Amino acid sequence: MFGYTEAEIAGFGLTFGVGAFMLYMLFIIGQLAWESKAGKFGTFVLFLGLAFGMVGFAAKFVIQWVLEK
């Protein structure tokens, strides 16, 4: 499609599509903390607990980028 292979389209979707979804999830967590009036520590705990899996995805991307060089 448009001169791109299926692997290139999938890589683009995985990198930018999931990245955009992760930013949206951070917005949702922040909105949850705001509406529940969690305070500073409660907000930290919400982001730590609910967004911890995103760190693994970001680390995977960075590790792949470093190993390709």
PDB file of N, CA and C in Angstrom:
ATOM      1  N   MET A   1       0.846  -1.171   0.000  1.00  0.00           N
ATOM      2  CA  MET A   1       0.000   0.000   0.000  1.00  0.00           C
ATOM      3  C   MET A   1       0.895   1.239   0.000  1.00  0.00           C
ATOM      4  N   PHE A   2       0.759   2.070  -1.015  1.00  0.00           N
ATOM      5  CA  PHE A   2       1.519   3.309  -1.158  1.00  0.00           C
ATOM      6  C   PHE A   2       3.022   3.071  -1.116  1.00  0.00           C
ATOM      7  N   GLY A   3       3.479   1.897  -1.520  1.00  0.00           N
ATOM      8  CA  GLY A   3       4.900   1.602  -1.563  1.00  0.00           C
ATOM      9  C   GLY A   3       5.492   1.121  -0.249  1.00  0.00           C
ATOM     10  N   TYR A   4       4.661   0.859   0.747  1.00  0.00           N
ATOM     11  CA  TYR A   4       5.138   0.371   2.040  1.00  0.00           C
ATOM     12  C   TYR A   4       4.807  -1.109   2.174  1.00  0.00           C
ATOM     13  N   THR A   5       5.679  -1.824   2.850  1.00  0.00           N
ATOM     14  CA  THR A   5       5.406  -3.234   3.105  1.00  0.00           C
ATOM     15  C   THR A   5       4.506  -3.371   4.327  1.00  0.00           C
ATOM     16  N   GLU A   6       3.978  -4.558   4.501  1.00  0.00           N
ATOM     17  CA  GLU A   6       3.119  -4.807   5.657  1.00  0.00           C
ATOM     18  C   GLU A   6       3.893  -4.644   6.964  1.00  0.00           C
ATOM     19  N   ALA A   7       5.161  -5.052   6.967  1.00  0.00           N
ATOM     20  CA  ALA A   7       5.985  -4.934   8.171  1.00  0.00           C
ATOM     21  C   ALA A   7       6.240  -3.468   8.524  1.00  0.00           C
ATOM     22  N   GLU A   8       6.441  -2.625   7.513  1.00  0.00           N
ATOM     23  CA  GLU A   8       6.667  -1.202   7.779  1.00  0.00           C
ATOM     24  C   GLU A   8       5.412  -0.539   8.331  1.00  0.00           C
ATOM     25  N   ILE A   9       4.255  -0.896   7.811  1.00  0.00           N
ATOM     26  CA  ILE A   9       2.996  -0.340   8.308  1.00  0.00           C
ATOM     27  C   ILE A   9       2.733  -0.812   9.739  1.00  0.00           C
ATOM     28  N   ALA A  10       2.997  -2.085   9.998  1.00  0.00           N
ATOM     29  CA  ALA A  10       2.805  -2.618  11.349  1.00  0.00           C
ATOM     30  C   ALA A  10       3.765  -1.962  12.332  1.00  0.00           C
ATOM     31  N   GLY A  11       5.014  -1.751  11.934  1.00  0.00           N
ATOM     32  CA  GLY A  11       5.983  -1.086  12.804  1.00  0.00           C
ATOM     33  C   GLY A  11       5.584   0.341  13.107  1.00  0.00           C
ATOM     34  N   PHE A  12       5.085   1.043  12.092  1.00  0.00           N
ATOM     35  CA  PHE A  12       4.605   2.417  12.301  1.00  0.00           C
ATOM     36  C   PHE A  12       3.428   2.432  13.272  1.00  0.00           C
ATOM     37  N   GLY A  13       2.470   1.536  13.055  1.00  0.00           N
ATOM     38  CA  GLY A  13       1.307   1.474  13.931  1.00  0.00           C
ATOM     39  C   GLY A  13       1.670   1.109  15.354  1.00  0.00           C
ATOM     40  N   LEU A  14       2.608   0.190  15.495  1.00  0.00           N
ATOM     41  CA  LEU A  14       3.020  -0.216  16.836  1.00  0.00           C
ATOM     42  C   LEU A  14       3.725   0.929  17.548  1.00  0.00           C
ATOM     43  N   THR A  15       4.602   1.614  16.837  1.00  0.00           N
ATOM     44  CA  THR A  15       5.376   2.684  17.475  1.00  0.00           C
ATOM     45  C   THR A  15       4.521   3.910  17.770  1.00  0.00           C
ATOM     46  N   PHE A  16       3.866   4.442  16.761  1.00  0.00           N
ATOM     47  CA  PHE A  16       3.146   5.701  16.947  1.00  0.00           C
ATOM     48  C   PHE A  16       1.715   5.494  17.426  1.00  0.00           C
ATOM     49  N   GLY A  17       1.061   4.442  16.971  1.00  0.00           N
ATOM     50  CA  GLY A  17      -0.305   4.183  17.419  1.00  0.00           C
ATOM     51  C   GLY A  17      -0.376   3.839  18.895  1.00  0.00           C
ATOM     52  N   VAL A  18       0.466   2.937  19.321  1.00  0.00           N
ATOM     53  CA  VAL A  18       0.486   2.565  20.739  1.00  0.00           C
ATOM     54  C   VAL A  18       1.027   3.720  21.580  1.00  0.00           C
ATOM     55  N   GLY A  19       1.984   4.463  21.033  1.00  0.00           N
ATOM     56  CA  GLY A  19       2.493   5.640  21.753  1.00  0.00           C
ATOM     57  C   GLY A  19       1.408   6.681  21.987  1.00  0.00           C
ATOM     58  N   ALA A  20       0.587   6.932  20.967  1.00  0.00           N
ATOM     59  CA  ALA A  20      -0.522   7.876  21.115  1.00  0.00           C
ATOM     60  C   ALA A  20      -1.542   7.346  22.126  1.00  0.00           C
ATOM     61  N   PHE A  21      -1.799   6.052  22.088  1.00  0.00           N
ATOM     62  CA  PHE A  21      -2.721   5.451  23.048  1.00  0.00           C
ATOM     63  C   PHE A  21      -2.182   5.576  24.474  1.00  0.00           C
ATOM     64  N   MET A  22      -0.863   5.440  24.633  1.00  0.00           N
ATOM     65  CA  MET A  22      -0.256   5.584  25.962  1.00  0.00           C
ATOM     66  C   MET A  22      -0.405   7.012  26.468  1.00  0.00           C
ATOM     67  N   LEU A  23      -0.229   7.997  25.608  1.00  0.00           N
ATOM     68  CA  LEU A  23      -0.433   9.390  26.022  1.00  0.00           C
ATOM     69  C   LEU A  23      -1.878   9.626  26.440  1.00  0.00           C
ATOM     70  N   TYR A  24      -2.809   9.033  25.717  1.00  0.00           N
ATOM     71  CA  TYR A  24      -4.220   9.152  26.085  1.00  0.00           C
ATOM     72  C   TYR A  24      -4.489   8.489  27.433  1.00  0.00           C
ATOM     73  N   MET A  25      -3.852   7.360  27.692  1.00  0.00           N
ATOM     74  CA  MET A  25      -4.014   6.689  28.986  1.00  0.00           C
ATOM     75  C   MET A  25      -3.463   7.551  30.120  1.00  0.00           C
ATOM     76  N   LEU A  26      -2.344   8.245  29.874  1.00  0.00           N
ATOM     77  CA  LEU A  26      -1.809   9.156  30.890  1.00  0.00           C
ATOM     78  C   LEU A  26      -2.793  10.287  31.177  1.00  0.00           C
ATOM     79  N   PHE A  27      -3.436  10.792  30.131  1.00  0.00           N
ATOM     80  CA  PHE A  27      -4.465  11.814  30.319  1.00  0.00           C
ATOM     81  C   PHE A  27      -5.608  11.279  31.180  1.00  0.00           C
ATOM     82  N   ILE A  28      -6.038  10.051  30.918  1.00  0.00           N
ATOM     83  CA  ILE A  28      -7.130   9.455  31.687  1.00  0.00           C
ATOM     84  C   ILE A  28      -6.728   9.290  33.154  1.00  0.00           C
ATOM     85  N   ILE A  29      -5.497   8.848  33.411  1.00  0.00           N
ATOM     86  CA  ILE A  29      -5.038   8.683  34.792  1.00  0.00           C
ATOM     87  C   ILE A  29      -4.986  10.035  35.492  1.00  0.00           C
ATOM     88  N   GLY A  30      -4.493  11.058  34.796  1.00  0.00           N
ATOM     89  CA  GLY A  30      -4.463  12.400  35.380  1.00  0.00           C
ATOM     90  C   GLY A  30      -5.858  12.920  35.668  1.00  0.00           C
ATOM     91  N   GLN A  31      -6.794  12.675  34.762  1.00  0.00           N
ATOM     92  CA  GLN A  31      -8.182  13.092  34.980  1.00  0.00           C
ATOM     93  C   GLN A  31      -8.783  12.362  36.173  1.00  0.00           C
ATOM     94  N   LEU A  32      -8.480  11.084  36.316  1.00  0.00           N
ATOM     95  CA  LEU A  32      -8.963  10.300  37.455  1.00  0.00           C
ATOM     96  C   LEU A  32      -8.412  10.864  38.763  1.00  0.00           C
ATOM     97  N   ALA A  33      -7.133  11.206  38.775  1.00  0.00           N
ATOM     98  CA  ALA A  33      -6.527  11.783  39.978  1.00  0.00           C
ATOM     99  C   ALA A  33      -7.144  13.135  40.300  1.00  0.00           C
ATOM    100  N   TRP A  34      -7.422  13.927  39.272  1.00  0.00           N
ATOM    101  CA  TRP A  34      -8.000  15.258  39.476  1.00  0.00           C
ATOM    102  C   TRP A  34      -9.420  15.160  40.034  1.00  0.00           C
ATOM    103  N   GLU A  35     -10.236  14.304  39.446  1.00  0.00           N
ATOM    104  CA  GLU A  35     -11.624  14.185  39.879  1.00  0.00           C
ATOM    105  C   GLU A  35     -11.754  13.548  41.260  1.00  0.00           C
ATOM    106  N   SER A  36     -10.815  12.688  41.624  1.00  0.00           N
ATOM    107  CA  SER A  36     -10.891  12.048  42.937  1.00  0.00           C
ATOM    108  C   SER A  36     -10.203  12.879  44.015  1.00  0.00           C
ATOM    109  N   LYS A  37      -9.587  14.016  43.612  1.00  0.00           N
ATOM    110  CA  LYS A  37      -8.866  14.890  44.552  1.00  0.00           C
ATOM    111  C   LYS A  37      -7.857  14.070  45.348  1.00  0.00           C
ATOM    112  N   ALA A  38      -7.020  13.334  44.614  1.00  0.00           N
ATOM    113  CA  ALA A  38      -6.099  12.388  45.231  1.00  0.00           C
ATOM    114  C   ALA A  38      -4.944  13.055  45.972  1.00  0.00           C
ATOM    115  N   GLY A  39      -4.611  14.273  45.663  1.00  0.00           N
ATOM    116  CA  GLY A  39      -3.454  14.913  46.281  1.00  0.00           C
ATOM    117  C   GLY A  39      -2.179  14.506  45.560  1.00  0.00           C
ATOM    118  N   LYS A  40      -1.065  15.043  46.042  1.00  0.00           N
ATOM    119  CA  LYS A  40       0.206  14.776  45.372  1.00  0.00           C
ATOM    120  C   LYS A  40       0.631  13.313  45.498  1.00  0.00           C
ATOM    121  N   PHE A  41       0.578  12.780  46.695  1.00  0.00           N
ATOM    122  CA  PHE A  41       1.004  11.395  46.890  1.00  0.00           C
ATOM    123  C   PHE A  41       0.048  10.422  46.209  1.00  0.00           C
ATOM    124  N   GLY A  42      -1.250  10.682  46.311  1.00  0.00           N
ATOM    125  CA  GLY A  42      -2.227   9.821  45.662  1.00  0.00           C
ATOM    126  C   GLY A  42      -2.081   9.832  44.153  1.00  0.00           C
ATOM    127  N   THR A  43      -1.796  10.999  43.592  1.00  0.00           N
ATOM    128  CA  THR A  43      -1.562  11.101  42.150  1.00  0.00           C
ATOM    129  C   THR A  43      -0.322  10.320  41.765  1.00  0.00           C
ATOM    130  N   PHE A  44       0.724  10.429  42.571  1.00  0.00           N
ATOM    131  CA  PHE A  44       1.952   9.672  42.315  1.00  0.00           C
ATOM    132  C   PHE A  44       1.676   8.174  42.333  1.00  0.00           C
ATOM    133  N   VAL A  45       0.915   7.712  43.313  1.00  0.00           N
ATOM    134  CA  VAL A  45       0.594   6.288  43.422  1.00  0.00           C
ATOM    135  C   VAL A  45      -0.247   5.838  42.230  1.00  0.00           C
ATOM    136  N   LEU A  46      -1.200   6.660  41.802  1.00  0.00           N
ATOM    137  CA  LEU A  46      -2.014   6.307  40.637  1.00  0.00           C
ATOM    138  C   LEU A  46      -1.148   6.174  39.385  1.00  0.00           C
ATOM    139  N   PHE A  47      -0.282   7.149  39.161  1.00  0.00           N
ATOM    140  CA  PHE A  47       0.572   7.073  37.985  1.00  0.00           C
ATOM    141  C   PHE A  47       1.550   5.902  38.093  1.00  0.00           C
ATOM    142  N   LEU A  48       2.085   5.655  39.269  1.00  0.00           N
ATOM    143  CA  LEU A  48       3.019   4.547  39.451  1.00  0.00           C
ATOM    144  C   LEU A  48       2.332   3.212  39.199  1.00  0.00           C
ATOM    145  N   GLY A  49       1.178   3.021  39.773  1.00  0.00           N
ATOM    146  CA  GLY A  49       0.493   1.739  39.652  1.00  0.00           C
ATOM    147  C   GLY A  49      -0.129   1.505  38.296  1.00  0.00           C
ATOM    148  N   LEU A  50      -0.751   2.527  37.726  1.00  0.00           N
ATOM    149  CA  LEU A  50      -1.495   2.334  36.490  1.00  0.00           C
ATOM    150  C   LEU A  50      -0.646   2.516  35.243  1.00  0.00           C
ATOM    151  N   ALA A  51       0.444   3.252  35.350  1.00  0.00           N
ATOM    152  CA  ALA A  51       1.258   3.530  34.165  1.00  0.00           C
ATOM    153  C   ALA A  51       2.577   2.772  34.164  1.00  0.00           C
ATOM    154  N   PHE A  52       2.771   1.866  35.104  1.00  0.00           N
ATOM    155  CA  PHE A  52       4.054   1.171  35.200  1.00  0.00           C
ATOM    156  C   PHE A  52       4.317   0.275  33.995  1.00  0.00           C
ATOM    157  N   GLY A  53       3.283  -0.295  33.419  1.00  0.00           N
ATOM    158  CA  GLY A  53       3.453  -1.148  32.251  1.00  0.00           C
ATOM    159  C   GLY A  53       3.956  -0.399  31.034  1.00  0.00           C
ATOM    160  N   MET A  54       3.677   0.893  30.978  1.00  0.00           N
ATOM    161  CA  MET A  54       4.143   1.705  29.862  1.00  0.00           C
ATOM    162  C   MET A  54       5.661   1.846  29.867  1.00  0.00           C
ATOM    163  N   VAL A  55       6.249   1.768  31.032  1.00  0.00           N
ATOM    164  CA  VAL A  55       7.706   1.867  31.139  1.00  0.00           C
ATOM    165  C   VAL A  55       8.360   0.697  30.400  1.00  0.00           C
ATOM    166  N   GLY A  56       7.780  -0.471  30.507  1.00  0.00           N
ATOM    167  CA  GLY A  56       8.315  -1.638  29.808  1.00  0.00           C
ATOM    168  C   GLY A  56       8.264  -1.478  28.301  1.00  0.00           C
ATOM    169  N   PHE A  57       7.167  -0.935  27.793  1.00  0.00           N
ATOM    170  CA  PHE A  57       7.056  -0.712  26.351  1.00  0.00           C
ATOM    171  C   PHE A  57       8.087   0.311  25.886  1.00  0.00           C
ATOM    172  N   ALA A  58       8.236   1.400  26.631  1.00  0.00           N
ATOM    173  CA  ALA A  58       9.221   2.423  26.265  1.00  0.00           C
ATOM    174  C   ALA A  58      10.637   1.866  26.353  1.00  0.00           C
ATOM    175  N   ALA A  59      10.916   1.057  27.382  1.00  0.00           N
ATOM    176  CA  ALA A  59      12.241   0.466  27.522  1.00  0.00           C
ATOM    177  C   ALA A  59      12.537  -0.490  26.370  1.00  0.00           C
ATOM    178  N   LYS A  60      11.542  -1.246  25.940  1.00  0.00           N
ATOM    179  CA  LYS A  60      11.725  -2.153  24.804  1.00  0.00           C
ATOM    180  C   LYS A  60      12.095  -1.372  23.549  1.00  0.00           C
ATOM    181  N   PHE A  61      11.429  -0.272  23.323  1.00  0.00           N
ATOM    182  CA  PHE A  61      11.715   0.555  22.156  1.00  0.00           C
ATOM    183  C   PHE A  61      13.136   1.119  22.221  1.00  0.00           C
ATOM    184  N   VAL A  62      13.540   1.606  23.389  1.00  0.00           N
ATOM    185  CA  VAL A  62      14.888   2.184  23.548  1.00  0.00           C
ATOM    186  C   VAL A  62      15.951   1.101  23.392  1.00  0.00           C
ATOM    187  N   ILE A  63      15.722  -0.074  23.971  1.00  0.00           N
ATOM    188  CA  ILE A  63      16.697  -1.168  23.876  1.00  0.00           C
ATOM    189  C   ILE A  63      16.855  -1.609  22.425  1.00  0.00           C
ATOM    190  N   GLN A  64      15.765  -1.729  21.686  1.00  0.00           N
ATOM    191  CA  GLN A  64      15.853  -2.093  20.277  1.00  0.00           C
ATOM    192  C   GLN A  64      16.610  -1.032  19.484  1.00  0.00           C
ATOM    193  N   TRP A  65      16.359   0.227  19.790  1.00  0.00           N
ATOM    194  CA  TRP A  65      17.034   1.311  19.077  1.00  0.00           C
ATOM    195  C   TRP A  65      18.532   1.292  19.346  1.00  0.00           C
ATOM    196  N   VAL A  66      18.937   1.025  20.601  1.00  0.00           N
ATOM    197  CA  VAL A  66      20.356   0.994  20.958  1.00  0.00           C
ATOM    198  C   VAL A  66      21.042  -0.208  20.316  1.00  0.00           C
ATOM    199  N   LEU A  67      20.395  -1.371  20.311  1.00  0.00           N
ATOM    200  CA  LEU A  67      21.010  -2.570  19.772  1.00  0.00           C
ATOM    201  C   LEU A  67      21.127  -2.556  18.239  1.00  0.00           C
ATOM    202  N   GLU A  68      20.320  -1.750  17.568  1.00  0.00           N
ATOM    203  CA  GLU A  68      20.398  -1.674  16.117  1.00  0.00           C
ATOM    204  C   GLU A  68      21.621  -0.899  15.644  1.00  0.00           C
ATOM    205  N   LYS A  69      22.206  -0.110  16.507  1.00  0.00           N
ATOM    206  CA  LYS A  69      23.375   0.697  16.112  1.00  0.00           C
ATOM    207  C   LYS A  69      24.621  -0.104  16.095  1.00  0.00           C
TER     208      LYS A  69
END
